[in-house]
Amino acid sequence: MPGREELPSTLERSPEEAQRTWIKAHDSAVEQYGEGRRAHQVAYGALKHTHEKVGDHWERKEKGRKGPSDPRAARPRQQGGRTGEGVDEHASKKHLYEVAKRLDISGRSRMDRDDLLDAIRKENRSRTRKARSD
């Protein structure tokens, strides 16, 4: 099935550029590996090189930041690693603070970098759940 028909809800709410990135990677992976979970993983891996999850959608990474956003996106297939859930773990603390501010995360000014990453992941999950139930 073409990627456009399998577009995840978080990408439906995202800019066209993010959608094109995911669809192109997905369709290529389907040709190589077949339909299913692996095609989705490859597509998300490609997306995480240029985009990050902010709330319930994906946005372009901060200017000058390209590359894998978490250990899983950086590793070759079948080598494990954890996922950053779309949050760019290599982003500066300043950028993470700005994302937390846009998401209206309370207590952000007292958080260190790891706390900001955790708070953004938590808020992203919450907003995605809410968007899917609406």
N, C-alpha and C. Protein backbone atom coordinates (compact mmCIF):
# COMPACT_ATOMS: atom_id res chain seq x y z
N MET A 1 0.85 -1.18 0.00
CA MET A 1 0.00 0.00 0.00
C MET A 1 0.90 1.25 0.00
N PRO A 2 0.59 2.20 -0.84
CA PRO A 2 1.41 3.41 -0.89
C PRO A 2 1.41 4.16 0.45
N GLY A 3 2.53 4.80 0.74
CA GLY A 3 2.69 5.52 1.99
C GLY A 3 1.63 6.57 2.23
N ARG A 4 1.15 7.22 1.18
CA ARG A 4 0.14 8.27 1.33
C ARG A 4 -1.11 7.70 2.01
N GLU A 5 -1.42 6.43 1.74
CA GLU A 5 -2.61 5.80 2.31
C GLU A 5 -2.36 5.29 3.73
N GLU A 6 -1.10 5.18 4.13
CA GLU A 6 -0.77 4.68 5.47
C GLU A 6 -0.19 5.77 6.36
N LEU A 7 -0.33 7.00 5.96
CA LEU A 7 0.26 8.12 6.69
C LEU A 7 -0.24 8.15 8.13
N PRO A 8 0.67 8.08 9.11
CA PRO A 8 0.27 8.15 10.52
C PRO A 8 -0.41 9.49 10.84
N SER A 9 -1.27 9.49 11.83
CA SER A 9 -2.03 10.70 12.17
C SER A 9 -1.13 11.87 12.54
N THR A 10 0.00 11.60 13.18
CA THR A 10 0.90 12.70 13.55
C THR A 10 1.45 13.38 12.30
N LEU A 11 1.61 12.62 11.24
CA LEU A 11 2.11 13.20 9.98
C LEU A 11 1.00 13.87 9.19
N GLU A 12 -0.24 13.43 9.36
CA GLU A 12 -1.36 14.11 8.71
C GLU A 12 -1.47 15.55 9.21
N ARG A 13 -1.04 15.79 10.44
CA ARG A 13 -1.09 17.13 11.03
C ARG A 13 0.21 17.90 10.82
N SER A 14 1.12 17.35 10.04
CA SER A 14 2.45 17.92 9.85
C SER A 14 2.57 18.59 8.48
N PRO A 15 3.62 19.41 8.31
CA PRO A 15 3.82 20.07 7.02
C PRO A 15 4.05 19.06 5.89
N GLU A 16 3.77 19.49 4.69
CA GLU A 16 3.91 18.66 3.49
C GLU A 16 5.31 18.08 3.36
N GLU A 17 6.33 18.84 3.71
CA GLU A 17 7.71 18.36 3.60
C GLU A 17 7.94 17.11 4.46
N ALA A 18 7.42 17.12 5.68
CA ALA A 18 7.55 15.96 6.57
C ALA A 18 6.79 14.77 5.98
N GLN A 19 5.62 15.03 5.44
CA GLN A 19 4.84 13.95 4.84
C GLN A 19 5.57 13.34 3.65
N ARG A 20 6.13 14.20 2.79
CA ARG A 20 6.86 13.69 1.61
C ARG A 20 8.06 12.85 2.02
N THR A 21 8.79 13.28 3.05
CA THR A 21 9.96 12.54 3.53
C THR A 21 9.54 11.14 3.98
N TRP A 22 8.48 11.08 4.79
CA TRP A 22 8.02 9.79 5.31
C TRP A 22 7.51 8.89 4.19
N ILE A 23 6.71 9.45 3.30
CA ILE A 23 6.11 8.67 2.20
C ILE A 23 7.20 8.10 1.29
N LYS A 24 8.15 8.94 0.92
CA LYS A 24 9.21 8.48 0.02
C LYS A 24 10.02 7.34 0.65
N ALA A 25 10.39 7.50 1.92
CA ALA A 25 11.15 6.46 2.62
C ALA A 25 10.31 5.20 2.79
N HIS A 26 9.04 5.37 3.12
CA HIS A 26 8.14 4.23 3.31
C HIS A 26 8.01 3.43 2.02
N ASP A 27 7.73 4.13 0.93
CA ASP A 27 7.51 3.43 -0.33
C ASP A 27 8.77 2.71 -0.80
N SER A 28 9.91 3.32 -0.57
CA SER A 28 11.18 2.67 -0.92
C SER A 28 11.40 1.42 -0.06
N ALA A 29 11.09 1.53 1.23
CA ALA A 29 11.25 0.38 2.14
C ALA A 29 10.28 -0.75 1.79
N VAL A 30 9.08 -0.42 1.35
CA VAL A 30 8.12 -1.44 0.95
C VAL A 30 8.66 -2.22 -0.25
N GLU A 31 9.27 -1.50 -1.19
CA GLU A 31 9.85 -2.17 -2.35
C GLU A 31 10.95 -3.14 -1.93
N GLN A 32 11.74 -2.74 -0.94
CA GLN A 32 12.88 -3.55 -0.54
C GLN A 32 12.51 -4.65 0.46
N TYR A 33 11.68 -4.33 1.45
CA TYR A 33 11.40 -5.27 2.54
C TYR A 33 9.97 -5.82 2.55
N GLY A 34 9.09 -5.21 1.79
CA GLY A 34 7.69 -5.59 1.83
C GLY A 34 6.91 -4.71 2.80
N GLU A 35 5.61 -4.88 2.78
CA GLU A 35 4.71 -4.08 3.61
C GLU A 35 4.86 -4.48 5.08
N GLY A 36 4.65 -3.54 5.98
CA GLY A 36 4.61 -3.88 7.40
C GLY A 36 5.44 -2.98 8.29
N ARG A 37 5.69 -3.50 9.48
CA ARG A 37 6.36 -2.75 10.54
C ARG A 37 7.72 -2.22 10.10
N ARG A 38 8.48 -3.03 9.41
CA ARG A 38 9.82 -2.62 9.02
C ARG A 38 9.79 -1.40 8.10
N ALA A 39 8.84 -1.34 7.19
CA ALA A 39 8.72 -0.18 6.31
C ALA A 39 8.43 1.08 7.11
N HIS A 40 7.59 0.95 8.13
CA HIS A 40 7.28 2.10 8.99
C HIS A 40 8.52 2.54 9.78
N GLN A 41 9.27 1.59 10.29
CA GLN A 41 10.48 1.93 11.05
C GLN A 41 11.50 2.66 10.18
N VAL A 42 11.67 2.18 8.96
CA VAL A 42 12.60 2.83 8.03
C VAL A 42 12.13 4.26 7.74
N ALA A 43 10.82 4.42 7.52
CA ALA A 43 10.28 5.74 7.22
C ALA A 43 10.46 6.71 8.39
N TYR A 44 10.20 6.23 9.60
CA TYR A 44 10.41 7.10 10.76
C TYR A 44 11.90 7.41 10.95
N GLY A 45 12.76 6.44 10.70
CA GLY A 45 14.20 6.68 10.80
C GLY A 45 14.64 7.79 9.86
N ALA A 46 14.14 7.77 8.63
CA ALA A 46 14.47 8.82 7.66
C ALA A 46 13.91 10.17 8.11
N LEU A 47 12.68 10.16 8.61
CA LEU A 47 12.04 11.40 9.06
C LEU A 47 12.82 12.04 10.21
N LYS A 48 13.33 11.22 11.12
CA LYS A 48 14.04 11.73 12.30
C LYS A 48 15.38 12.39 11.96
N HIS A 49 15.84 12.23 10.73
CA HIS A 49 17.08 12.89 10.33
C HIS A 49 16.85 14.37 10.04
N THR A 50 15.63 14.75 9.68
CA THR A 50 15.36 16.13 9.31
C THR A 50 14.26 16.80 10.13
N HIS A 51 13.48 16.01 10.85
CA HIS A 51 12.34 16.55 11.59
C HIS A 51 12.33 16.04 13.03
N GLU A 52 11.60 16.76 13.87
CA GLU A 52 11.42 16.36 15.26
C GLU A 52 9.95 16.49 15.61
N LYS A 53 9.52 15.69 16.58
CA LYS A 53 8.13 15.73 17.00
C LYS A 53 7.94 16.85 18.01
N VAL A 54 6.94 17.68 17.76
CA VAL A 54 6.60 18.77 18.66
C VAL A 54 5.10 18.69 18.91
N GLY A 55 4.74 18.26 20.09
CA GLY A 55 3.32 18.08 20.41
C GLY A 55 2.76 16.91 19.64
N ASP A 56 1.76 17.18 18.81
CA ASP A 56 1.08 16.11 18.07
C ASP A 56 1.43 16.08 16.59
N HIS A 57 2.56 16.72 16.21
CA HIS A 57 2.95 16.76 14.80
C HIS A 57 4.47 16.83 14.68
N TRP A 58 4.97 16.80 13.46
CA TRP A 58 6.41 16.85 13.19
C TRP A 58 6.78 18.19 12.56
N GLU A 59 7.92 18.74 12.99
CA GLU A 59 8.42 20.01 12.45
C GLU A 59 9.86 19.84 12.03
N ARG A 60 10.30 20.69 11.12
CA ARG A 60 11.69 20.70 10.67
C ARG A 60 12.58 20.98 11.88
N LYS A 61 13.73 20.31 11.95
CA LYS A 61 14.67 20.55 13.04
C LYS A 61 15.23 21.96 12.95
N GLU A 62 15.80 22.43 14.07
CA GLU A 62 16.36 23.77 14.07
C GLU A 62 17.42 23.89 12.98
N LYS A 63 17.58 25.09 12.48
CA LYS A 63 18.50 25.35 11.37
C LYS A 63 19.90 24.83 11.69
N GLY A 64 20.45 24.13 10.72
CA GLY A 64 21.80 23.59 10.88
C GLY A 64 21.86 22.22 11.54
N ARG A 65 20.73 21.72 12.05
CA ARG A 65 20.70 20.42 12.73
C ARG A 65 20.14 19.37 11.79
N LYS A 66 20.98 18.49 11.36
CA LYS A 66 20.54 17.34 10.56
C LYS A 66 21.18 16.11 11.16
N GLY A 67 20.64 14.99 10.86
CA GLY A 67 21.20 13.74 11.36
C GLY A 67 20.24 13.05 12.30
N PRO A 68 20.58 11.85 12.71
CA PRO A 68 19.67 11.07 13.54
C PRO A 68 19.39 11.75 14.87
N SER A 69 18.16 11.64 15.32
CA SER A 69 17.78 12.32 16.56
C SER A 69 17.90 11.46 17.80
N ASP A 70 18.09 10.16 17.62
CA ASP A 70 18.19 9.27 18.77
C ASP A 70 19.00 8.03 18.40
N PRO A 71 19.40 7.24 19.38
CA PRO A 71 20.25 6.06 19.10
C PRO A 71 19.65 5.08 18.09
N ARG A 72 18.34 4.87 18.13
CA ARG A 72 17.73 3.91 17.20
C ARG A 72 17.81 4.41 15.76
N ALA A 73 17.58 5.70 15.55
CA ALA A 73 17.63 6.25 14.20
C ALA A 73 19.06 6.26 13.66
N ALA A 74 20.04 6.22 14.54
CA ALA A 74 21.45 6.27 14.11
C ALA A 74 22.03 4.90 13.79
N ARG A 75 21.40 3.84 14.26
CA ARG A 75 21.98 2.50 14.12
C ARG A 75 21.47 1.77 12.89
N PRO A 76 22.30 0.90 12.37
CA PRO A 76 21.81 0.03 11.29
C PRO A 76 20.70 -0.86 11.82
N ARG A 77 19.90 -1.37 10.93
CA ARG A 77 18.76 -2.18 11.33
C ARG A 77 19.17 -3.35 12.22
N GLN A 78 18.27 -3.77 13.06
CA GLN A 78 18.43 -4.92 13.94
C GLN A 78 19.55 -4.76 14.97
N GLN A 79 19.98 -3.55 15.24
CA GLN A 79 20.98 -3.36 16.28
C GLN A 79 20.41 -2.67 17.50
N GLY A 80 19.11 -2.58 17.57
CA GLY A 80 18.46 -2.08 18.77
C GLY A 80 18.71 -0.62 19.05
N GLY A 81 18.73 -0.30 20.33
CA GLY A 81 18.83 1.08 20.75
C GLY A 81 17.45 1.59 21.13
N ARG A 82 17.43 2.59 21.94
CA ARG A 82 16.14 3.13 22.36
C ARG A 82 15.74 4.27 21.42
N THR A 83 14.48 4.59 21.43
CA THR A 83 13.98 5.68 20.60
C THR A 83 13.82 6.94 21.44
N GLY A 84 14.03 8.06 20.82
CA GLY A 84 13.82 9.34 21.49
C GLY A 84 12.40 9.84 21.31
N GLU A 85 11.54 9.00 20.73
CA GLU A 85 10.14 9.33 20.49
C GLU A 85 9.98 10.59 19.66
N GLY A 86 10.91 10.82 18.75
CA GLY A 86 10.81 11.96 17.85
C GLY A 86 11.46 13.23 18.37
N VAL A 87 11.89 13.23 19.63
CA VAL A 87 12.55 14.41 20.19
C VAL A 87 14.03 14.34 19.82
N ASP A 88 14.56 15.44 19.31
CA ASP A 88 15.95 15.47 18.88
C ASP A 88 16.86 15.54 20.10
N GLU A 89 17.46 14.43 20.45
CA GLU A 89 18.30 14.34 21.65
C GLU A 89 19.63 15.08 21.50
N HIS A 90 19.95 15.50 20.29
CA HIS A 90 21.20 16.23 20.07
C HIS A 90 20.99 17.74 20.00
N ALA A 91 19.75 18.17 20.17
CA ALA A 91 19.44 19.60 20.12
C ALA A 91 20.05 20.30 21.34
N SER A 92 20.28 21.58 21.19
CA SER A 92 20.84 22.37 22.29
C SER A 92 19.80 22.52 23.40
N LYS A 93 20.29 22.82 24.60
CA LYS A 93 19.38 23.03 25.72
C LYS A 93 18.47 24.23 25.42
N LYS A 94 19.04 25.24 24.77
CA LYS A 94 18.26 26.42 24.41
C LYS A 94 17.09 26.04 23.50
N HIS A 95 17.37 25.21 22.50
CA HIS A 95 16.30 24.77 21.59
C HIS A 95 15.25 23.96 22.35
N LEU A 96 15.69 23.03 23.19
CA LEU A 96 14.74 22.22 23.96
C LEU A 96 13.88 23.11 24.86
N TYR A 97 14.50 24.14 25.45
CA TYR A 97 13.76 25.07 26.29
C TYR A 97 12.69 25.79 25.46
N GLU A 98 13.05 26.21 24.24
CA GLU A 98 12.09 26.91 23.37
C GLU A 98 10.93 25.99 22.98
N VAL A 99 11.24 24.72 22.70
CA VAL A 99 10.17 23.76 22.39
C VAL A 99 9.27 23.59 23.62
N ALA A 100 9.87 23.45 24.80
CA ALA A 100 9.09 23.30 26.04
C ALA A 100 8.22 24.54 26.28
N LYS A 101 8.75 25.70 25.95
CA LYS A 101 7.99 26.94 26.10
C LYS A 101 6.78 26.94 25.17
N ARG A 102 6.98 26.54 23.91
CA ARG A 102 5.88 26.47 22.94
C ARG A 102 4.82 25.47 23.38
N LEU A 103 5.26 24.40 24.04
CA LEU A 103 4.33 23.38 24.53
C LEU A 103 3.73 23.75 25.89
N ASP A 104 4.16 24.90 26.43
CA ASP A 104 3.68 25.41 27.72
C ASP A 104 3.92 24.41 28.85
N ILE A 105 5.13 23.86 28.89
CA ILE A 105 5.52 22.92 29.95
C ILE A 105 5.93 23.72 31.17
N SER A 106 5.24 23.50 32.27
CA SER A 106 5.53 24.26 33.48
C SER A 106 6.82 23.77 34.14
N GLY A 107 7.52 24.68 34.80
CA GLY A 107 8.76 24.35 35.50
C GLY A 107 9.97 24.22 34.58
N ARG A 108 9.82 24.58 33.31
CA ARG A 108 10.89 24.39 32.34
C ARG A 108 12.15 25.18 32.67
N SER A 109 12.01 26.33 33.32
CA SER A 109 13.18 27.16 33.61
C SER A 109 14.10 26.51 34.65
N ARG A 110 13.58 25.57 35.43
CA ARG A 110 14.38 24.88 36.44
C ARG A 110 14.89 23.53 35.96
N MET A 111 14.56 23.16 34.74
CA MET A 111 14.92 21.83 34.23
C MET A 111 16.30 21.83 33.58
N ASP A 112 17.00 20.70 33.78
CA ASP A 112 18.25 20.52 33.03
C ASP A 112 17.88 19.88 31.69
N ARG A 113 18.86 19.64 30.87
CA ARG A 113 18.65 19.14 29.52
C ARG A 113 17.86 17.81 29.51
N ASP A 114 18.25 16.87 30.36
CA ASP A 114 17.58 15.57 30.42
C ASP A 114 16.12 15.71 30.86
N ASP A 115 15.89 16.60 31.82
CA ASP A 115 14.52 16.84 32.28
C ASP A 115 13.67 17.44 31.16
N LEU A 116 14.26 18.34 30.38
CA LEU A 116 13.54 18.94 29.25
C LEU A 116 13.18 17.86 28.22
N LEU A 117 14.13 16.98 27.91
CA LEU A 117 13.86 15.90 26.96
C LEU A 117 12.69 15.05 27.45
N ASP A 118 12.72 14.65 28.72
CA ASP A 118 11.66 13.81 29.29
C ASP A 118 10.31 14.53 29.28
N ALA A 119 10.32 15.82 29.65
CA ALA A 119 9.08 16.59 29.70
C ALA A 119 8.48 16.76 28.31
N ILE A 120 9.32 16.99 27.31
CA ILE A 120 8.83 17.15 25.94
C ILE A 120 8.25 15.83 25.43
N ARG A 121 8.95 14.72 25.70
CA ARG A 121 8.42 13.41 25.29
C ARG A 121 7.04 13.16 25.91
N LYS A 122 6.93 13.45 27.20
CA LYS A 122 5.67 13.23 27.92
C LYS A 122 4.56 14.10 27.33
N GLU A 123 4.86 15.36 27.08
CA GLU A 123 3.85 16.26 26.52
C GLU A 123 3.48 15.85 25.10
N ASN A 124 4.46 15.40 24.31
CA ASN A 124 4.18 14.92 22.96
C ASN A 124 3.20 13.74 23.00
N ARG A 125 3.48 12.79 23.90
CA ARG A 125 2.58 11.62 24.02
C ARG A 125 1.17 12.06 24.39
N SER A 126 1.08 12.98 25.34
CA SER A 126 -0.22 13.47 25.80
C SER A 126 -0.99 14.16 24.68
N ARG A 127 -0.32 15.03 23.94
CA ARG A 127 -1.00 15.75 22.86
C ARG A 127 -1.38 14.83 21.71
N THR A 128 -0.54 13.85 21.43
CA THR A 128 -0.86 12.90 20.37
C THR A 128 -2.08 12.06 20.75
N ARG A 129 -2.12 11.59 22.01
CA ARG A 129 -3.29 10.84 22.49
C ARG A 129 -4.56 11.67 22.36
N LYS A 130 -4.47 12.94 22.80
CA LYS A 130 -5.63 13.83 22.75
C LYS A 130 -6.07 14.06 21.30
N ALA A 131 -5.13 14.32 20.40
CA ALA A 131 -5.46 14.57 19.00
C ALA A 131 -6.12 13.35 18.35
N ARG A 132 -5.67 12.16 18.73
CA ARG A 132 -6.24 10.95 18.15
C ARG A 132 -7.64 10.66 18.66
N SER A 133 -7.95 11.14 19.87
CA SER A 133 -9.27 10.86 20.44
C SER A 133 -10.31 11.90 20.01
N ASP A 134 -9.85 13.03 19.48
CA ASP A 134 -10.78 14.09 19.04
C ASP A 134 -11.50 13.72 17.77
